[in-house]
């Protein structure tokens, strides 16, 4: 069950990403799109976590003999795709932040 403990660690890491807060005293801008973007990002992180939990449940069901292996492979592939998408979005956000920080005022 090494995969299960690895998956559990990945899900915990994803959940912690959503809980990250900025330094004390600093607040996110409250502009027109600020709330929409943060809620979109939060729901995407929750969705990835839920997809991972579903894949883990399918794997446990197969181990108990209650599910089909094809369902597990599908759930794991969906989970992997969701996680790769989240990582790609994170990388793009970091890249955009770095570009903004390089701009001269």
N, C-alpha and C. Protein backbone atom coordinates (compact mmCIF):
# COMPACT_ATOMS: atom_id res chain seq x y z
N UNK A 1 0.81 -1.21 0.00
CA UNK A 1 0.00 0.00 0.00
C UNK A 1 0.85 1.27 0.00
N UNK A 2 2.06 1.20 -0.58
CA UNK A 2 2.91 2.38 -0.66
C UNK A 2 2.26 3.46 -1.49
N UNK A 3 1.51 3.06 -2.52
CA UNK A 3 0.83 4.03 -3.37
C UNK A 3 -0.23 4.79 -2.58
N UNK A 4 -0.93 4.09 -1.70
CA UNK A 4 -1.97 4.73 -0.91
C UNK A 4 -1.39 5.79 0.01
N UNK A 5 -0.25 5.51 0.67
CA UNK A 5 0.34 6.51 1.55
C UNK A 5 0.90 7.67 0.75
N UNK A 6 1.42 7.37 -0.46
CA UNK A 6 1.89 8.44 -1.34
C UNK A 6 0.72 9.32 -1.75
N UNK A 7 -0.40 8.68 -2.10
CA UNK A 7 -1.59 9.43 -2.51
C UNK A 7 -2.11 10.28 -1.35
N UNK A 8 -2.10 9.72 -0.16
CA UNK A 8 -2.58 10.46 1.00
C UNK A 8 -1.72 11.69 1.25
N UNK A 9 -0.41 11.55 1.07
CA UNK A 9 0.49 12.70 1.23
C UNK A 9 0.24 13.75 0.17
N UNK A 10 -0.03 13.31 -1.06
CA UNK A 10 -0.32 14.26 -2.14
C UNK A 10 -1.62 14.99 -1.88
N UNK A 11 -2.64 14.28 -1.40
CA UNK A 11 -3.92 14.94 -1.11
C UNK A 11 -3.76 15.95 0.02
N UNK A 12 -2.99 15.59 1.03
CA UNK A 12 -2.76 16.52 2.13
C UNK A 12 -2.03 17.76 1.65
N UNK A 13 -1.07 17.58 0.75
CA UNK A 13 -0.35 18.73 0.20
C UNK A 13 -1.27 19.62 -0.60
N UNK A 14 -2.16 19.03 -1.37
CA UNK A 14 -3.12 19.81 -2.16
C UNK A 14 -4.03 20.60 -1.23
N UNK A 15 -4.49 19.99 -0.17
CA UNK A 15 -5.36 20.69 0.77
C UNK A 15 -4.63 21.84 1.45
N UNK A 16 -3.33 21.68 1.72
CA UNK A 16 -2.56 22.75 2.34
C UNK A 16 -2.34 23.91 1.39
N UNK A 17 -2.28 23.63 0.09
CA UNK A 17 -2.11 24.70 -0.89
C UNK A 17 -3.28 25.66 -0.81
N UNK A 18 -4.47 25.13 -0.65
CA UNK A 18 -5.65 25.97 -0.56
C UNK A 18 -5.70 26.80 0.70
N UNK A 19 -5.01 26.35 1.76
CA UNK A 19 -5.05 27.04 3.03
C UNK A 19 -3.95 28.07 3.21
N UNK A 20 -3.11 28.26 2.21
CA UNK A 20 -2.00 29.19 2.33
C UNK A 20 -2.53 30.62 2.39
N UNK A 21 -2.06 31.37 3.32
CA UNK A 21 -2.47 32.76 3.49
C UNK A 21 -1.24 33.65 3.41
N UNK A 22 -1.45 34.86 3.03
CA UNK A 22 -0.35 35.81 2.95
C UNK A 22 0.09 36.26 4.32
N UNK A 23 1.11 37.12 4.38
CA UNK A 23 1.59 37.63 5.65
C UNK A 23 0.50 38.36 6.43
N UNK A 24 0.63 38.37 7.73
CA UNK A 24 -0.34 39.05 8.58
C UNK A 24 -0.43 40.52 8.21
N UNK A 25 -1.63 41.03 8.18
CA UNK A 25 -1.83 42.44 7.91
C UNK A 25 -2.04 42.74 6.43
N UNK A 26 -1.67 41.83 5.55
CA UNK A 26 -1.87 42.05 4.13
C UNK A 26 -3.14 41.34 3.70
N UNK A 27 -3.93 42.01 2.91
CA UNK A 27 -5.16 41.41 2.43
C UNK A 27 -5.15 41.39 0.92
N UNK A 28 -5.87 40.44 0.37
CA UNK A 28 -5.98 40.35 -1.08
C UNK A 28 -6.78 41.55 -1.58
N UNK A 29 -6.48 42.04 -2.78
CA UNK A 29 -7.24 43.16 -3.32
C UNK A 29 -8.70 42.78 -3.49
N UNK A 30 -9.55 43.73 -3.26
CA UNK A 30 -10.98 43.49 -3.33
C UNK A 30 -11.58 44.10 -4.60
N UNK A 31 -10.84 44.03 -5.70
CA UNK A 31 -11.31 44.58 -6.96
C UNK A 31 -12.43 43.75 -7.55
N UNK A 32 -12.80 44.08 -8.77
CA UNK A 32 -13.93 43.44 -9.43
C UNK A 32 -13.73 41.94 -9.61
N UNK A 33 -12.52 41.50 -9.98
CA UNK A 33 -12.31 40.09 -10.25
C UNK A 33 -11.60 39.34 -9.14
N UNK A 34 -11.25 40.00 -8.05
CA UNK A 34 -10.45 39.35 -7.01
C UNK A 34 -11.19 38.20 -6.35
N UNK A 35 -12.44 38.41 -5.99
CA UNK A 35 -13.21 37.35 -5.33
C UNK A 35 -13.49 36.20 -6.28
N UNK A 36 -13.74 36.51 -7.52
CA UNK A 36 -14.03 35.46 -8.49
C UNK A 36 -12.81 34.58 -8.73
N UNK A 37 -11.64 35.17 -8.83
CA UNK A 37 -10.43 34.38 -9.08
C UNK A 37 -10.10 33.50 -7.89
N UNK A 38 -10.19 34.05 -6.70
CA UNK A 38 -9.86 33.25 -5.52
C UNK A 38 -10.85 32.12 -5.32
N UNK A 39 -12.13 32.37 -5.58
CA UNK A 39 -13.10 31.29 -5.44
C UNK A 39 -12.91 30.24 -6.54
N UNK A 40 -12.54 30.68 -7.74
CA UNK A 40 -12.26 29.74 -8.82
C UNK A 40 -11.06 28.86 -8.48
N UNK A 41 -10.01 29.47 -7.96
CA UNK A 41 -8.82 28.73 -7.58
C UNK A 41 -9.12 27.76 -6.44
N UNK A 42 -9.87 28.22 -5.47
CA UNK A 42 -10.23 27.36 -4.34
C UNK A 42 -11.06 26.16 -4.79
N UNK A 43 -12.02 26.39 -5.67
CA UNK A 43 -12.84 25.27 -6.14
C UNK A 43 -12.02 24.30 -6.99
N UNK A 44 -11.05 24.81 -7.74
CA UNK A 44 -10.18 23.93 -8.53
C UNK A 44 -9.34 23.05 -7.62
N UNK A 45 -8.81 23.61 -6.56
CA UNK A 45 -8.01 22.83 -5.62
C UNK A 45 -8.87 21.78 -4.93
N UNK A 46 -10.08 22.17 -4.54
CA UNK A 46 -10.99 21.21 -3.93
C UNK A 46 -11.35 20.08 -4.89
N UNK A 47 -11.53 20.44 -6.15
CA UNK A 47 -11.86 19.45 -7.17
C UNK A 47 -10.74 18.44 -7.35
N UNK A 48 -9.51 18.91 -7.36
CA UNK A 48 -8.36 18.00 -7.50
C UNK A 48 -8.28 17.08 -6.29
N UNK A 49 -8.50 17.61 -5.12
CA UNK A 49 -8.48 16.79 -3.91
C UNK A 49 -9.58 15.73 -3.93
N UNK A 50 -10.75 16.13 -4.38
CA UNK A 50 -11.88 15.20 -4.46
C UNK A 50 -11.61 14.10 -5.49
N UNK A 51 -11.02 14.47 -6.61
CA UNK A 51 -10.68 13.48 -7.64
C UNK A 51 -9.68 12.47 -7.09
N UNK A 52 -8.73 12.94 -6.32
CA UNK A 52 -7.75 12.05 -5.71
C UNK A 52 -8.37 11.11 -4.69
N UNK A 53 -9.28 11.64 -3.90
CA UNK A 53 -9.97 10.80 -2.92
C UNK A 53 -10.81 9.72 -3.62
N UNK A 54 -11.43 10.10 -4.74
CA UNK A 54 -12.23 9.14 -5.51
C UNK A 54 -11.34 8.01 -6.03
N UNK A 55 -10.17 8.36 -6.55
CA UNK A 55 -9.24 7.34 -7.05
C UNK A 55 -8.77 6.43 -5.92
N UNK A 56 -8.52 7.00 -4.77
CA UNK A 56 -8.10 6.20 -3.62
C UNK A 56 -9.21 5.24 -3.19
N UNK A 57 -10.45 5.73 -3.17
CA UNK A 57 -11.58 4.88 -2.81
C UNK A 57 -11.75 3.73 -3.80
N UNK A 58 -11.58 4.03 -5.10
CA UNK A 58 -11.68 2.99 -6.12
C UNK A 58 -10.60 1.92 -5.90
N UNK A 59 -9.38 2.36 -5.58
CA UNK A 59 -8.29 1.41 -5.35
C UNK A 59 -8.59 0.52 -4.15
N UNK A 60 -9.15 1.09 -3.10
CA UNK A 60 -9.51 0.30 -1.93
C UNK A 60 -10.64 -0.68 -2.25
N UNK A 61 -11.58 -0.26 -3.11
CA UNK A 61 -12.68 -1.13 -3.50
C UNK A 61 -12.18 -2.33 -4.30
N UNK A 62 -11.20 -2.10 -5.17
CA UNK A 62 -10.64 -3.21 -5.94
C UNK A 62 -9.90 -4.16 -5.01
N UNK A 63 -9.18 -3.62 -4.04
CA UNK A 63 -8.46 -4.47 -3.10
C UNK A 63 -9.42 -5.34 -2.30
N UNK A 64 -10.61 -4.81 -2.05
CA UNK A 64 -11.62 -5.57 -1.32
C UNK A 64 -12.42 -6.49 -2.24
N UNK A 65 -12.18 -6.38 -3.56
CA UNK A 65 -12.89 -7.22 -4.51
C UNK A 65 -14.27 -6.73 -4.87
N UNK A 66 -14.54 -5.45 -4.65
CA UNK A 66 -15.87 -4.90 -4.88
C UNK A 66 -15.97 -4.04 -6.13
N UNK A 67 -14.86 -3.82 -6.83
CA UNK A 67 -14.90 -2.93 -8.00
C UNK A 67 -14.09 -3.53 -9.14
N UNK A 68 -14.26 -2.94 -10.30
CA UNK A 68 -13.57 -3.37 -11.50
C UNK A 68 -12.24 -2.63 -11.62
N UNK A 69 -11.22 -3.29 -12.13
CA UNK A 69 -9.90 -2.68 -12.28
C UNK A 69 -9.95 -1.52 -13.28
N UNK A 70 -10.80 -1.63 -14.28
CA UNK A 70 -10.92 -0.57 -15.29
C UNK A 70 -11.38 0.73 -14.63
N UNK A 71 -12.28 0.62 -13.66
CA UNK A 71 -12.74 1.82 -12.95
C UNK A 71 -11.60 2.47 -12.18
N UNK A 72 -10.73 1.66 -11.60
CA UNK A 72 -9.58 2.20 -10.86
C UNK A 72 -8.63 2.91 -11.80
N UNK A 73 -8.33 2.27 -12.92
CA UNK A 73 -7.40 2.88 -13.88
C UNK A 73 -7.97 4.21 -14.38
N UNK A 74 -9.26 4.26 -14.65
CA UNK A 74 -9.89 5.50 -15.10
C UNK A 74 -9.82 6.58 -14.02
N UNK A 75 -10.12 6.21 -12.78
CA UNK A 75 -10.09 7.18 -11.68
C UNK A 75 -8.68 7.69 -11.44
N UNK A 76 -7.69 6.82 -11.50
CA UNK A 76 -6.31 7.24 -11.29
C UNK A 76 -5.85 8.15 -12.42
N UNK A 77 -6.24 7.84 -13.65
CA UNK A 77 -5.88 8.69 -14.80
C UNK A 77 -6.51 10.07 -14.67
N UNK A 78 -7.77 10.12 -14.25
CA UNK A 78 -8.43 11.41 -14.03
C UNK A 78 -7.73 12.21 -12.95
N UNK A 79 -7.35 11.53 -11.88
CA UNK A 79 -6.66 12.19 -10.78
C UNK A 79 -5.31 12.73 -11.23
N UNK A 80 -4.59 11.93 -12.00
CA UNK A 80 -3.28 12.36 -12.49
C UNK A 80 -3.41 13.57 -13.42
N UNK A 81 -4.39 13.54 -14.29
CA UNK A 81 -4.61 14.66 -15.20
C UNK A 81 -4.98 15.93 -14.45
N UNK A 82 -5.84 15.79 -13.45
CA UNK A 82 -6.23 16.96 -12.65
C UNK A 82 -5.04 17.55 -11.91
N UNK A 83 -4.20 16.69 -11.36
CA UNK A 83 -3.02 17.17 -10.63
C UNK A 83 -2.02 17.83 -11.57
N UNK A 84 -1.82 17.25 -12.75
CA UNK A 84 -0.92 17.86 -13.73
C UNK A 84 -1.44 19.22 -14.18
N UNK A 85 -2.74 19.34 -14.35
CA UNK A 85 -3.33 20.63 -14.74
C UNK A 85 -3.12 21.66 -13.64
N UNK A 86 -3.33 21.26 -12.40
CA UNK A 86 -3.14 22.17 -11.28
C UNK A 86 -1.69 22.64 -11.19
N UNK A 87 -0.75 21.73 -11.40
CA UNK A 87 0.67 22.10 -11.36
C UNK A 87 1.00 23.05 -12.50
N UNK A 88 0.43 22.82 -13.68
CA UNK A 88 0.67 23.72 -14.81
C UNK A 88 0.12 25.11 -14.54
N UNK A 89 -1.05 25.19 -13.93
CA UNK A 89 -1.63 26.50 -13.58
C UNK A 89 -0.77 27.18 -12.54
N UNK A 90 -0.30 26.43 -11.55
CA UNK A 90 0.58 27.00 -10.53
C UNK A 90 1.84 27.57 -11.16
N UNK A 91 2.44 26.81 -12.08
CA UNK A 91 3.66 27.27 -12.74
C UNK A 91 3.42 28.55 -13.53
N UNK A 92 2.27 28.63 -14.20
CA UNK A 92 1.93 29.84 -14.96
C UNK A 92 1.71 31.03 -14.03
N UNK A 93 1.09 30.79 -12.89
CA UNK A 93 0.86 31.87 -11.93
C UNK A 93 2.19 32.38 -11.38
N UNK A 94 3.10 31.49 -11.07
CA UNK A 94 4.41 31.90 -10.57
C UNK A 94 5.16 32.68 -11.63
N UNK A 95 5.09 32.21 -12.86
CA UNK A 95 5.75 32.90 -13.96
C UNK A 95 5.18 34.31 -14.15
N UNK A 96 3.86 34.44 -14.08
CA UNK A 96 3.23 35.76 -14.22
C UNK A 96 3.63 36.67 -13.06
N UNK A 97 3.68 36.13 -11.85
CA UNK A 97 4.08 36.92 -10.68
C UNK A 97 5.51 37.41 -10.85
N UNK A 98 6.41 36.53 -11.29
CA UNK A 98 7.80 36.92 -11.48
C UNK A 98 7.92 37.99 -12.55
N UNK A 99 7.13 37.88 -13.60
CA UNK A 99 7.16 38.90 -14.65
C UNK A 99 6.66 40.24 -14.14
N UNK A 100 5.63 40.22 -13.33
CA UNK A 100 5.11 41.47 -12.74
C UNK A 100 6.16 42.09 -11.83
N UNK A 101 6.86 41.25 -11.06
CA UNK A 101 7.87 41.78 -10.15
C UNK A 101 9.06 42.38 -10.90
N UNK A 102 9.31 41.96 -12.12
CA UNK A 102 10.41 42.51 -12.92
C UNK A 102 10.03 43.84 -13.58
N UNK A 103 8.75 44.17 -13.62
CA UNK A 103 8.33 45.41 -14.26
C UNK A 103 8.84 46.62 -13.49
N UNK A 104 9.20 47.64 -14.23
CA UNK A 104 9.64 48.88 -13.59
C UNK A 104 8.44 49.80 -13.41
N UNK A 105 8.47 50.48 -12.30
CA UNK A 105 7.35 51.40 -11.99
C UNK A 105 7.64 52.77 -12.54
